[in-house]
Protein backbone atom coordinates (compact mmCIF):
# COMPACT_ATOMS: atom_id res chain seq x y z
CA MET A 1 -0.07 0.23 0.28
CA TRP A 2 1.43 3.53 -1.09
CA LEU A 3 0.94 6.83 1.11
CA PRO A 4 -1.33 9.06 -0.01
CA ARG A 5 0.51 12.00 -2.45
CA SER A 6 0.64 14.10 0.59
CA LEU A 7 2.60 12.03 2.10
CA GLN A 8 5.02 10.89 -0.25
CA SER A 9 6.27 14.24 -1.43
CA PRO A 10 8.00 15.45 1.66
CA ALA A 11 9.31 11.84 2.00
CA LEU A 12 10.90 11.99 -1.22
CA ALA A 13 12.18 15.28 -0.77
CA LEU A 14 13.87 14.28 2.18
CA LEU A 15 15.42 11.31 0.17
CA ALA A 16 16.61 13.66 -2.49
CA GLY A 17 19.67 15.55 -0.32
CA SER A 18 23.25 14.43 -1.45
CA PHE A 19 24.12 13.73 2.57
CA LEU A 20 21.96 10.88 2.43
CA PHE A 21 23.43 9.04 -0.34
CA SER A 22 26.85 9.42 1.56
CA ASN A 23 25.36 7.90 4.81
CA ILE A 24 24.09 5.19 2.85
CA ALA A 25 27.14 4.34 0.54
CA ALA A 26 29.08 4.28 4.52
CA GLN A 27 26.11 1.66 5.11
CA VAL A 28 26.21 -0.54 2.41
CA THR A 29 29.92 -1.93 1.36
CA THR A 30 31.37 -5.28 -0.48
CA ASP A 31 34.32 -6.74 -0.36
CA CYS A 32 34.59 -7.75 -3.54
CA PHE A 33 32.85 -5.54 -6.63
CA PRO A 34 32.22 -7.83 -9.13
CA MET A 35 31.38 -5.44 -12.00
CA ASN A 36 34.86 -4.45 -11.53
CA GLN A 37 37.04 -7.35 -10.87
CA THR A 38 36.96 -10.56 -10.44
CA CYS A 39 35.32 -11.88 -7.38
CA PRO A 40 35.56 -15.43 -5.42
CA PRO A 41 32.01 -17.53 -5.12
CA ASN A 42 29.18 -17.23 -3.17
CA PRO A 43 28.36 -20.01 -0.76
CA ALA A 44 24.95 -20.89 -1.13
CA LEU A 45 21.93 -21.63 0.95
CA GLY A 46 20.15 -24.02 -1.34
CA ILE A 47 17.94 -25.01 1.08
CA GLU A 48 14.57 -23.73 3.19
CA HIS A 49 15.71 -23.51 6.79
CA ASN A 50 13.44 -21.85 9.61
CA PHE A 51 15.97 -19.56 11.74
CA VAL A 52 15.42 -19.78 15.25
CA PHE A 53 17.34 -16.78 17.05
CA ASN A 54 16.31 -18.16 20.83
CA SER A 55 20.09 -19.15 21.25
CA THR A 56 23.39 -18.07 19.43
CA PRO A 57 23.25 -19.30 15.84
CA ARG A 58 26.19 -21.34 14.29
CA TRP A 59 28.86 -19.53 13.39
CA GLU A 60 29.47 -20.89 10.45
CA MET A 61 26.04 -19.30 8.71
CA TRP A 62 25.82 -16.21 10.96
CA GLU A 63 28.69 -13.29 11.98
CA ASN A 64 28.59 -9.84 13.73
CA THR A 65 29.93 -7.05 11.91
CA ALA A 66 28.78 -4.82 15.02
CA SER A 67 28.39 -4.86 18.45
CA PRO A 68 26.46 -8.35 19.01
CA PRO A 69 22.99 -9.41 19.58
CA LYS A 70 22.00 -11.15 22.86
CA TYR A 71 19.90 -14.17 22.50
CA ASP A 72 16.73 -14.94 24.63
CA PRO A 73 14.43 -18.36 24.76
CA VAL A 74 11.39 -15.86 24.65
CA ASP A 75 12.52 -12.64 23.16
CA GLY A 76 14.74 -14.10 20.65
CA ALA A 77 17.61 -12.08 19.41
CA THR A 78 18.03 -8.55 21.07
CA PHE A 79 19.51 -5.96 18.80
CA SER A 80 20.59 -2.91 20.95
CA ILE A 81 22.09 0.51 21.27
CA THR A 82 22.80 2.01 24.66
CA LYS A 83 24.85 4.92 23.94
CA GLN A 84 26.05 7.45 20.93
CA GLY A 85 28.17 5.52 18.80
CA GLU A 86 26.68 2.35 19.09
CA SER A 87 24.71 0.24 16.47
CA SER A 88 23.75 -3.99 16.19
CA THR A 89 24.19 -6.13 13.31
CA VAL A 90 24.81 -9.48 12.35
CA ARG A 91 24.59 -11.04 8.45
CA SER A 92 24.61 -14.18 6.66
CA LYS A 93 27.72 -16.21 5.39
CA PHE A 94 25.78 -17.50 3.24
CA TYR A 95 23.76 -16.24 -0.12
CA ILE A 96 20.06 -17.18 -1.57
CA PHE A 97 19.77 -16.37 -5.75
CA TRP A 98 16.37 -15.86 -5.75
CA GLY A 99 14.06 -16.39 -2.68
CA ARG A 100 11.66 -15.43 0.17
CA VAL A 101 12.36 -15.04 3.42
CA GLU A 102 9.65 -14.08 5.98
CA LEU A 103 11.07 -12.18 9.61
CA TRP A 104 9.20 -12.05 12.64
CA LEU A 105 10.32 -8.68 14.12
CA LYS A 106 9.11 -5.94 16.82
CA THR A 107 10.95 -2.62 16.01
CA SER A 108 12.59 0.19 18.54
CA HIS A 109 11.48 2.97 19.87
CA GLY A 110 13.44 5.99 20.05
CA THR A 111 13.47 9.32 17.23
CA GLY A 112 15.84 8.35 14.52
CA ILE A 113 16.71 4.76 15.60
CA ILE A 114 15.86 2.81 12.83
CA SER A 115 14.90 -1.02 12.88
CA SER A 116 16.08 -2.37 9.48
CA PHE A 117 16.48 -5.76 7.55
CA MET A 118 18.45 -5.97 4.67
CA MET A 119 19.44 -7.72 1.69
CA LEU A 120 22.44 -6.88 0.01
CA SER A 121 24.55 -8.63 -2.83
CA ASP A 122 28.44 -8.04 -3.23
CA ASN A 123 27.38 -5.84 -6.81
CA LEU A 124 25.65 -3.58 -4.33
CA ASP A 125 21.98 -4.76 -5.52
CA GLU A 126 20.12 -3.97 -2.27
CA ILE A 127 16.30 -4.90 -0.71
CA ASP A 128 15.08 -3.20 2.53
CA TRP A 129 12.49 -3.43 5.08
CA GLU A 130 13.39 0.13 7.41
CA PHE A 131 11.19 1.27 10.29
CA PHE A 132 11.25 4.61 12.21
CA GLY A 133 11.69 4.97 15.78
CA GLY A 134 9.76 7.91 16.05
CA ASN A 135 6.44 6.88 13.97
CA ASN A 136 5.45 3.11 15.32
CA THR A 137 2.90 2.75 12.32
CA ILE A 138 4.96 3.16 9.18
CA ALA A 139 6.97 0.24 7.30
CA GLN A 140 9.35 1.32 4.78
CA SER A 141 10.40 -0.43 1.73
CA ASN A 142 12.93 0.24 -0.61
CA TYR A 143 15.64 -1.23 -3.49
CA PHE A 144 18.89 -0.28 -5.16
CA GLY A 145 20.51 -1.75 -8.45
CA LYS A 146 24.38 -1.95 -9.52
CA ASN A 147 25.04 0.81 -5.98
CA THR A 148 23.29 3.41 -8.40
CA PRO A 149 22.07 6.22 -6.18
CA ASP A 150 18.46 6.67 -6.68
CA PHE A 151 16.01 7.78 -3.59
CA THR A 152 12.82 7.74 -5.17
CA ASN A 153 12.75 4.01 -4.97
CA ALA A 154 11.70 3.97 -1.71
CA GLY A 155 7.62 3.14 -0.31
CA TYR A 156 5.96 4.14 3.12
CA HIS A 157 3.25 1.97 4.19
CA ASP A 158 0.76 2.38 7.08
CA ILE A 159 0.47 -1.49 8.01
CA GLY A 160 -2.62 0.05 10.63
CA ALA A 161 -0.08 -1.50 13.53
CA ASN A 162 1.70 -0.86 16.15
CA THR A 163 5.33 -1.90 14.79
CA GLN A 164 6.78 -1.45 18.59
CA ALA A 165 4.39 -3.49 20.59
CA ASP A 166 4.09 -6.31 18.86
CA TYR A 167 5.86 -8.93 16.42
CA HIS A 168 4.62 -8.60 12.90
CA ASN A 169 5.60 -10.97 9.75
CA TYR A 170 7.73 -8.84 7.45
CA THR A 171 7.90 -11.13 4.36
CA ILE A 172 9.51 -10.46 0.75
CA VAL A 173 9.55 -12.54 -2.39
CA TRP A 174 11.80 -12.07 -4.86
CA THR A 175 11.85 -13.72 -8.25
CA LYS A 176 13.19 -12.76 -11.74
CA ASP A 177 9.69 -11.51 -12.31
CA ALA A 178 8.80 -9.77 -9.22
CA MET A 179 9.76 -8.00 -5.81
CA ASP A 180 6.42 -8.53 -3.77
CA PHE A 181 6.55 -7.12 -0.15
CA TYR A 182 4.29 -8.18 2.63
CA VAL A 183 3.41 -7.86 6.58
CA ASP A 184 1.24 -10.29 8.24
CA ASN A 185 0.53 -11.73 5.11
CA LYS A 186 -0.73 -8.35 3.64
CA LYS A 187 0.93 -7.23 0.06
CA TYR A 188 1.44 -3.50 0.40
CA ARG A 189 3.84 -3.62 -2.90
CA THR A 190 5.20 -4.95 -6.15
CA LEU A 191 8.24 -4.19 -8.15
CA THR A 192 8.98 -5.28 -12.10
CA PRO A 193 11.90 -5.18 -13.47
CA GLY A 194 9.94 -2.69 -15.98
CA GLN A 195 9.35 -0.55 -12.88
CA ALA A 196 13.14 -0.38 -11.92
CA GLU A 197 14.60 0.67 -15.37
CA LYS A 198 15.51 4.04 -15.31
CA ASP A 199 17.18 5.84 -17.92
CA GLY A 200 18.05 2.66 -19.76
CA LYS A 201 19.50 1.17 -16.83
CA ASP A 202 18.33 -1.71 -15.42
CA LEU A 203 17.95 -1.27 -11.62
CA TYR A 204 16.07 -4.35 -10.54
CA PRO A 205 18.03 -6.56 -7.72
CA GLN A 206 19.13 -9.77 -9.25
CA THR A 207 22.17 -11.09 -8.14
CA PRO A 208 22.82 -13.43 -5.11
CA MET A 209 22.52 -11.85 -1.47
CA ARG A 210 23.11 -12.25 1.77
CA LEU A 211 20.55 -11.24 4.93
CA TYR A 212 21.44 -8.55 7.42
CA LEU A 213 19.56 -7.58 10.65
CA SER A 214 20.62 -4.47 11.92
CA LEU A 215 19.66 -1.43 14.89
CA TRP A 216 21.04 1.80 13.75
CA ALA A 217 21.21 5.52 14.95
CA GLY A 218 20.25 7.19 11.63
CA GLY A 219 19.66 10.42 13.68
CA ASP A 220 22.65 10.51 15.63
CA PRO A 221 23.94 14.31 16.05
CA SER A 222 27.00 13.26 14.09
CA LEU A 223 25.46 12.39 10.70
CA PRO A 224 24.64 14.56 7.98
CA GLU A 225 21.29 17.04 8.67
CA GLY A 226 19.49 15.22 5.52
CA THR A 227 20.19 11.98 7.23
CA ARG A 228 18.71 12.81 10.50
CA GLU A 229 16.07 14.62 8.62
CA TRP A 230 14.87 11.21 6.84
CA ALA A 231 15.27 9.39 10.27
CA GLY A 232 13.02 11.49 11.59
CA GLY A 233 14.62 14.16 13.73
CA THR A 234 18.16 13.76 16.04
CA THR A 235 18.15 11.17 18.26
CA ASP A 236 18.14 11.66 22.22
CA TYR A 237 20.29 8.54 23.87
CA GLY A 238 18.66 9.73 27.18
CA GLN A 239 15.68 7.96 25.96
CA GLY A 240 17.45 5.12 25.81
CA PRO A 241 18.34 1.75 25.74
CA PHE A 242 16.67 1.11 22.38
CA HIS A 243 15.81 -2.49 21.25
CA MET A 244 15.14 -4.31 18.36
CA TYR A 245 13.67 -8.22 19.13
CA VAL A 246 13.61 -11.09 15.95
CA LYS A 247 12.23 -14.25 16.86
CA ASN A 248 13.33 -15.78 13.99
CA MET A 249 13.76 -15.89 10.02
CA MET A 250 12.19 -18.09 8.09
CA VAL A 251 14.79 -18.68 4.33
CA THR A 252 13.79 -20.36 0.99
CA ASP A 253 16.32 -20.22 -1.40
CA PHE A 254 14.78 -20.52 -4.78
CA SER A 255 17.90 -22.05 -6.72
CA SER A 256 19.79 -25.22 -5.11
CA GLY A 257 23.38 -25.76 -5.53
CA LYS A 258 26.56 -25.55 -3.57
CA GLU A 259 28.05 -21.68 -5.06
CA TYR A 260 26.98 -19.35 -7.04
CA GLU A 261 29.58 -17.28 -9.49
CA TYR A 262 29.82 -14.37 -11.49
CA GLY A 263 30.31 -15.26 -14.94
CA ASP A 264 31.30 -11.87 -16.41
CA LYS A 265 30.91 -7.94 -15.19
CA SER A 266 27.23 -7.32 -16.45
CA GLY A 267 25.72 -7.74 -13.08
CA SER A 268 22.74 -9.57 -14.71
CA TRP A 269 21.05 -12.49 -13.57
CA GLN A 270 21.93 -14.58 -16.90
CA SER A 271 25.72 -14.28 -15.69
CA ILE A 272 25.82 -16.12 -12.22
CA LYS A 273 26.56 -19.68 -12.83
CA ILE A 274 24.88 -22.51 -9.98
CA VAL A 275 27.86 -24.68 -8.63
CA GLU A 276 26.41 -28.28 -8.61
CA GLY A 277 26.32 -29.84 -4.84
CA ASN A 278 25.20 -29.35 -1.18
CA SER A 279 26.51 -26.05 0.28
CA THR A 280 28.27 -25.93 3.50
CA VAL A 281 25.11 -24.53 5.54
CA ASN A 282 22.99 -27.21 3.91
CA GLU A 283 25.46 -30.01 5.34
CA ILE A 284 25.47 -28.52 9.02
CA ILE A 285 21.66 -28.02 9.01
CA ASN A 286 21.03 -31.41 7.90
CA ALA A 287 23.54 -32.96 9.30
CA PRO A 288 22.03 -36.23 11.61
CA PRO A 289 21.46 -34.87 15.00
CA GLU A 290 24.26 -35.72 17.56
CA LYS A 291 23.59 -39.30 19.03
CA THR A 292 23.53 -39.62 22.69
CA MET A 293 25.45 -41.38 25.02
CA ASN A 294 22.31 -44.02 25.42
CA ASP A 295 21.92 -44.58 21.61
CA LYS A 296 26.06 -44.76 21.23
CA TRP A 297 25.48 -48.18 23.47
CA ASN A 298 22.95 -49.27 22.39
CA GLU A 299 24.59 -49.38 18.81
CA LEU A 300 27.39 -51.64 19.84
CA PRO A 301 27.46 -54.98 19.50
CA ASN A 302 27.40 -57.41 22.66
CA THR A 303 30.91 -58.50 22.76
CA ALA A 304 31.87 -55.01 22.93
CA LYS A 305 29.35 -54.45 25.70
CA ILE A 306 30.69 -57.52 27.32
CA ALA A 307 34.47 -56.20 27.54
CA ILE A 308 33.20 -52.91 28.51
CA TYR A 309 31.33 -54.74 31.47
CA ALA A 310 34.49 -57.00 32.21
CA SER A 311 36.45 -53.95 32.34
CA GLY A 312 34.75 -51.76 34.88
CA ALA A 313 34.35 -54.70 36.88
CA ALA A 314 38.20 -55.26 37.13
CA VAL A 315 38.79 -51.63 37.54
CA GLY A 316 36.10 -51.48 40.16
CA ALA A 317 38.09 -54.43 41.72
CA ALA A 318 41.28 -52.86 41.43
CA LEU A 319 39.99 -49.93 43.20
CA LEU A 320 38.29 -51.86 45.92
CA ALA A 321 41.94 -54.04 46.76
CA ALA A 322 43.67 -50.42 47.20
CA ALA A 323 40.83 -49.08 49.44
CA LEU A 324 41.17 -52.15 52.13
CA ILE A 325 45.45 -52.11 51.36
CA TYR A 326 45.24 -48.50 52.69
CA CYS A 327 42.71 -49.13 55.25
CA ILE A 328 44.69 -52.17 56.75
CA LYS A 329 48.09 -50.22 56.34
CA GLN A 330 46.40 -46.98 58.12
CA ARG A 331 45.20 -49.49 61.13
CA ARG A 332 48.56 -51.32 61.75
CA ARG A 333 49.99 -47.59 61.98
CA GLY A 334 47.29 -46.59 64.14
CA VAL A 335 48.20 -49.61 66.50
CA ARG A 336 51.08 -49.30 66.56
CA GLU A 337 51.03 -45.78 66.83
CA ALA A 338 48.78 -46.55 70.19
CA ALA A 339 51.09 -49.09 71.76
CA ALA A 340 53.66 -46.52 71.80
CA ALA A 341 51.74 -44.05 72.90
CA GLU A 342 50.77 -46.77 76.04
CA ALA A 343 54.40 -47.38 76.67
CA ARG A 344 55.38 -44.01 77.35
CA ALA A 345 52.61 -43.31 79.67
CA GLU A 346 53.46 -47.02 81.40
CA ALA A 347 57.19 -45.44 81.41
CA GLU A 348 55.83 -41.71 82.76
CA ARG A 349 53.82 -43.49 85.73
CA LEU A 350 56.84 -45.42 87.05
CA GLU A 351 58.89 -42.67 86.82
CA MET A 352 56.53 -40.48 89.05
CA GLU A 353 56.43 -44.04 91.55
CA ARG A 354 59.79 -44.26 91.89
CA PHE A 355 59.78 -40.59 92.69
CA ARG A 356 57.17 -41.17 95.32
CA LYS A 357 58.82 -44.11 96.47
CA ASN A 358 61.63 -41.97 97.29
CA GLY A 359 59.86 -39.17 99.17
CA VAL A 360 59.95 -36.44 96.27
CA ASN A 361 56.89 -35.25 95.12
CA PRO A 362 56.95 -34.74 91.45
CA ASP A 363 54.11 -32.16 90.88
CA ALA A 364 56.74 -29.51 92.66
CA PHE A 365 59.30 -29.96 90.00
CA THR A 366 59.47 -26.70 87.57
CA SER A 367 59.94 -26.73 84.01
CA ASN A 368 62.82 -24.31 83.56
CA ALA A 369 64.92 -25.56 86.88
CA HIS A 370 68.21 -26.82 86.45
CA GLU A 371 68.92 -30.45 86.98
CA TYR A 372 69.42 -31.59 90.51
CA ASN A 373 69.09 -34.57 92.51
CA ALA A 374 66.37 -33.91 94.91
CA SER A 375 67.23 -37.21 97.50
CA GLU A 376 70.28 -35.74 97.56
CA MET A 377 69.83 -32.04 98.26
CA ARG A 378 67.14 -33.65 100.50
CA THR A 379 69.72 -35.50 102.63
CA ASP A 380 71.57 -31.90 102.86
CA GLY A 381 69.08 -30.38 104.16
CA LEU A 382 68.51 -28.18 101.60
CA SER A 383 65.00 -29.62 100.43
CA ASP A 384 61.65 -30.90 101.91
CA LYS A 385 59.31 -32.91 100.15
CA ALA A 386 57.77 -30.07 98.30
CA GLY A 387 60.63 -28.05 97.03
CA TYR A 388 64.28 -26.57 97.86
CA ASN A 389 65.47 -23.86 99.82
CA ILE A 390 68.94 -22.16 101.49
CA PRO A 391 68.93 -21.48 105.43
CA PRO A 392 69.46 -17.95 105.82
CA SER A 393 72.89 -16.74 107.39
CA PRO A 394 73.12 -16.53 111.03
CA SER A 395 73.09 -13.13 112.80
CA ASN A 396 76.05 -10.86 112.71
CA GLU A 397 76.96 -8.23 115.03
CA LYS A 398 78.44 -6.21 112.27
CA TYR A 399 76.15 -6.70 109.25
CA GLY A 400 73.18 -8.14 111.12
CA THR A 401 71.08 -10.43 110.06
CA GLY A 402 68.66 -11.22 107.80
CA ASP A 403 68.55 -9.55 104.12
CA MET A 404 71.62 -8.16 104.48
CA ALA A 405 73.97 -10.91 105.65
CA VAL A 406 72.42 -12.93 103.10
CA ALA A 407 73.60 -10.70 100.18
CA ALA A 408 77.26 -10.44 101.44
CA ALA A 409 77.09 -14.42 101.85
CA ALA A 410 75.97 -14.12 97.69
CA GLY A 411 78.52 -11.70 97.06
CA ALA A 412 81.19 -13.68 98.66
CA GLY A 413 80.01 -17.03 96.81
CA ALA A 414 79.90 -14.80 93.62
CA GLY A 415 83.61 -13.63 94.23
CA ALA A 416 84.83 -17.14 95.26
CA ALA A 417 82.99 -18.81 92.02
CA ALA A 418 84.60 -16.05 89.90
CA ALA A 419 87.80 -16.65 91.31
CA VAL A 420 87.73 -20.69 90.19
CA PRO A 421 88.16 -20.61 86.32
CA LEU A 422 90.94 -18.36 86.43
CA LEU A 423 93.85 -21.45 87.10
CA ARG A 424 92.39 -23.15 84.34
CA ASN A 425 94.38 -20.73 81.98
CA ASN A 426 97.96 -21.76 83.71
CA GLY A 427 100.41 -22.61 81.40
CA PRO A 428 101.97 -26.10 81.32
CA GLY A 429 103.27 -27.39 84.29
CA SER A 430 101.76 -25.37 86.78
CA PRO A 431 101.56 -26.51 90.10
CA ARG A 432 97.98 -27.12 91.41
CA SER A 433 96.67 -29.17 94.42
CA PRO A 434 93.73 -31.25 94.49
CA THR A 435 93.93 -31.38 98.01
CA SER A 436 93.90 -27.37 98.42
CA PRO A 437 90.69 -25.52 99.99
CA ARG A 438 89.28 -23.79 96.88
CA VAL A 439 86.80 -22.11 98.52
CA PRO A 440 88.23 -18.19 99.47
CA THR A 441 86.66 -16.83 102.36
CA PRO A 442 86.88 -12.60 103.11
CA ASP A 443 88.55 -11.29 106.08
CA PRO A 444 87.01 -8.29 107.71
CA GLN A 445 90.21 -6.09 105.42
CA THR A 446 88.17 -7.41 102.01
CA ASN A 447 84.52 -6.46 103.10
CA PRO A 448 83.74 -3.34 101.39
CA PHE A 449 81.86 -1.86 104.88
CA SER A 450 85.17 -2.40 106.66
CA PRO A 451 87.61 0.51 106.94
CA GLN A 452 90.33 -2.09 106.59
CA TYR A 453 89.10 -2.87 103.24
CA GLY A 454 91.31 -3.93 100.48
CA ARG A 455 94.09 -5.52 103.38
CA ILE A 456 93.67 -9.58 102.61
CA GLN A 457 95.42 -12.43 103.61
CA ASN A 458 96.21 -14.87 100.78
CA THR A 459 96.08 -18.33 102.40
CA GLY A 460 95.76 -21.41 100.53
CA SER A 461 97.69 -23.01 98.29
CA PRO A 462 99.63 -20.64 96.28
CA ALA A 463 98.13 -20.18 92.51
CA PRO A 464 100.39 -19.65 89.30
CA SER A 465 100.07 -16.61 87.24
CA PRO A 466 98.37 -17.01 83.89
CA GLN A 467 100.33 -16.58 80.71
CA PHE A 468 99.54 -13.54 79.49
CA ASN A 469 99.08 -13.13 75.72
CA PRO A 470 99.78 -10.23 73.92
CA HIS A 471 97.53 -10.51 71.36
CA GLU A 472 94.77 -10.44 73.51
CA GLY A 473 95.13 -7.04 74.77
CA MET A 474 93.91 -5.96 77.78
CA ARG A 475 90.77 -7.69 79.07
CA SER A 476 88.19 -6.70 81.70
CA PRO A 477 87.20 -8.66 84.61
CA SER A 478 84.20 -9.87 82.30
CA GLY A 479 86.54 -10.67 79.53
CA SER A 480 88.84 -13.81 79.05
CA MET A 481 91.61 -12.81 81.93
CA TYR A 482 89.89 -10.61 84.71
CA GLY A 483 86.77 -12.34 84.11
CA GLN A 484 88.42 -15.80 85.48
CA SER A 485 88.67 -16.80 88.66
CA MET A 486 92.09 -17.29 90.36
CA SER A 487 91.12 -20.74 91.77
CA PRO A 488 89.65 -23.72 90.38
CA PRO A 489 86.36 -25.51 92.13
CA PRO A 490 86.03 -27.13 94.48
CA HIS A 491 85.99 -31.04 94.53
CA GLN A 492 83.79 -30.96 97.59
CA PRO A 493 80.36 -29.82 98.47
CA LEU A 494 80.47 -25.91 99.01
CA PRO A 495 80.28 -25.59 103.15
CA HIS A 496 76.88 -24.78 104.90
CA PRO A 497 75.93 -21.43 103.82
CA PRO A 498 76.77 -19.72 107.75
CA THR A 499 80.59 -20.72 107.25
CA ARG A 500 80.37 -18.51 104.29
CA SER A 501 79.60 -15.39 106.17
CA MET A 502 81.40 -12.21 105.83
CA THR A 503 81.95 -11.29 109.09
CA GLY A 504 84.37 -13.82 109.57
CA GLY A 505 88.09 -14.20 108.40
CA SER A 506 88.52 -17.75 107.63
CA GLY A 507 91.58 -19.35 106.70
CA GLN A 508 90.03 -20.71 103.84
CA MET A 509 88.94 -17.67 102.32
CA ARG A 510 91.17 -16.15 100.03
CA MET A 511 90.54 -13.35 97.51
CA ALA A 512 90.74 -13.02 94.01
CA SER A 513 93.69 -10.88 93.91
CA PRO A 514 96.50 -9.31 96.52
CA GLY A 515 96.02 -6.25 98.43
CA PRO A 516 97.94 -2.94 98.31
CA GLN A 517 100.45 -4.49 101.23
CA GLN A 518 101.06 -7.64 98.78
CA ALA A 519 102.41 -8.07 95.31
CA PRO A 520 100.31 -7.67 92.43
CA HIS A 521 98.99 -9.74 90.04
CA GLY A 522 101.66 -11.57 87.77
CA PHE A 523 101.24 -11.21 84.08
CA ASP A 524 103.88 -12.38 81.63
CA PHE A 525 104.89 -9.69 79.07
CA GLY A 526 107.68 -12.05 76.94
CA PRO A 527 110.27 -14.26 77.21
CA GLY A 528 112.53 -13.87 80.83
CA ILE A 529 109.61 -11.21 82.07
CA GLN A 530 106.68 -13.02 84.53
CA ARG A 531 105.37 -12.12 87.54
CA SER A 532 103.06 -13.51 90.07
CA ALA A 533 100.94 -12.72 92.99
CA THR A 534 101.96 -16.06 94.62
CA THR A 535 105.65 -16.21 94.00
CA SER A 536 106.85 -13.03 93.87
CA PRO A 537 110.04 -12.48 96.03
CA GLY A 538 108.49 -9.82 98.16
CA PRO A 539 106.09 -6.62 98.82
CA ASN A 540 109.39 -4.35 98.46
CA ALA A 541 111.24 -6.22 95.12
CA PRO A 542 110.93 -3.96 92.37
CA LEU A 543 108.61 -4.59 89.32
CA ALA A 544 110.21 -5.10 85.94
CA HIS A 545 107.51 -3.21 84.64
CA PRO A 546 105.76 -1.18 86.97
CA GLN A 547 101.99 -1.44 86.31
CA PRO A 548 99.14 0.60 88.06
CA GLN A 549 97.32 -0.85 91.36
CA ARG A 550 94.31 -3.42 89.92
CA SER A 551 93.44 -4.68 92.88
CA PHE A 552 90.24 -6.41 93.39
CA THR A 553 89.07 -5.06 96.39
CA ASN A 554 90.79 -1.91 96.27
CA PRO A 555 87.68 0.89 96.35
CA ALA A 556 89.99 3.04 94.41
CA SER A 557 90.95 0.58 91.69
CA GLY A 558 86.98 -0.11 90.63
CA TYR A 559 87.43 -3.84 90.92
CA GLY A 560 85.42 -6.18 92.87
CA GLN A 561 82.31 -3.66 94.18
CA PRO A 562 78.98 -3.46 92.49
CA PRO A 563 78.70 -0.38 90.77
CA GLN A 564 76.63 1.56 93.16
CA LEU A 565 79.39 1.37 95.53
CA GLN A 566 82.11 2.52 93.22
CA GLN A 567 83.21 5.91 93.88
CA PRO A 568 85.30 8.59 91.46
CA PRO A 569 88.81 7.57 92.37
CA PRO A 570 90.72 10.70 94.01
CA GLY A 571 93.02 10.65 91.09
CA GLY A 572 96.36 9.49 89.49
CA ASN A 573 96.37 6.93 86.88
CA GLN A 574 93.01 4.84 87.66
CA GLY A 575 92.01 6.48 84.42
CA TYR A 576 95.02 4.01 82.62
CA TRP A 577 92.27 1.29 83.58
CA ASP A 578 89.00 2.52 83.60
CA GLY A 579 89.39 4.78 80.07
CA GLY A 580 88.60 7.29 82.59
CA ASN A 581 85.10 6.30 83.67
CA ASN A 582 85.86 7.00 87.31
CA GLY A 583 86.94 3.73 88.54
CA GLY A 584 84.84 1.50 86.40
CA TYR A 585 85.80 -1.03 84.55
CA ARG A 586 84.97 -1.96 80.51
């Protein structure tokens, strides 16, 4: 059905602009133009087939040339525009040479939005159905021949229904004799080859064509004004997104064959050669459906089925055997681990019983205590059933009782312990009496609280002087030389704490170094020069190398007293030993 002349004239005037031609030329292109060059053959459909777009079609038959559509079981293929510059297009890889195409389509809304179905040949023959988003009752039919720009070919048809609200059937029947346009099986236009001849040119579409489905914005602001006016106005993308829906397409190729070839460059239908055979699309479409596993199983011979059953049973038996072996191994391993744990528990129980029989409470042991023999300590009176302790020192007239006495005894014991390892540095052949007393006991002269502090008596077996190593340099009392004690450790248990009081001068007490009245410690200063605190000729004998006073017990020397008791030296050469640290040693 043609529109009234009052509606035709404005539409035809809009199509006459040169801007529209440039836009259409950009929309329809070809990889090879057969009227100018020899082109490869076109793969044929060769059959009739209904393409349902409820899922993605086979890539061997369809391809995307812009944004791909989305496929839905209900709405079919959904072509969308969501922003400026976007379009959505899909086209067939096969061609038809004369045929029938029925399309179930719902168009998009939106000013300037064009929903379209197009048939296009490599020779740029074209047949169109186009719909305007700004007018939901008009359908446009159109055609072009041999890429000739003629904008008077369009027909506008008022179909009396809403193209955007419902799916409608849009059909094109194309033969060498006529081209018919239908909407919902109602014919709206017929075009004959004679009507398409203009100025002596045969512009009737007549070469093999493939199929396009597309949604694009003819009203995009970047396009020429004439194109936007033809599309119905400038597109407002704020009204989007815009969608076109295609449920299915029934395609019938009136020719049968494998391929279509251009025999010459005339562009006439008589020049087209049909290559016999089955097309690729035909083979794909008519290929037998893939067999299910049940079908494949039923087709197997009985011997193959028996072999499969036997193989499956063998594999199952092997897996079962492996599982049983694993379980047995794990059970045996668990039995061994349980037996080992029981043995350890029994050994611990027996050990606890031995402790209890010996009168020792094992629950009183601490995890970080030093190793000791609880029975021996109990025999010596240093422990009871629940622990051990050291009795406090007896009262003392000068120092009193309690904490001060204990502190004094502890200081004396520490001095004795520090003096023990020094004799281990004696040179070869140094005399050591295994039976001589090894526990030094200070007299009042060595007590840091006594006015006679610094005067000591050196009793017990003499200790040879340690050999001096000139490569080691001067060593602090906590270092490798001065940190060594002057006597080896005792071979017998330490005396009872009361005998280690600092208030009584015992014959067993021996200070770590001579006092001011005795010869200083001897050092080996080289071959032929040796001085010993225990073997020097006397206090008045001249020294081969005079040394500053370094008594461990002299307050002026800085040795032998706690840091809080040290006093700055009155002067002299004490800075030689303490580095100017006011009596403190390093």
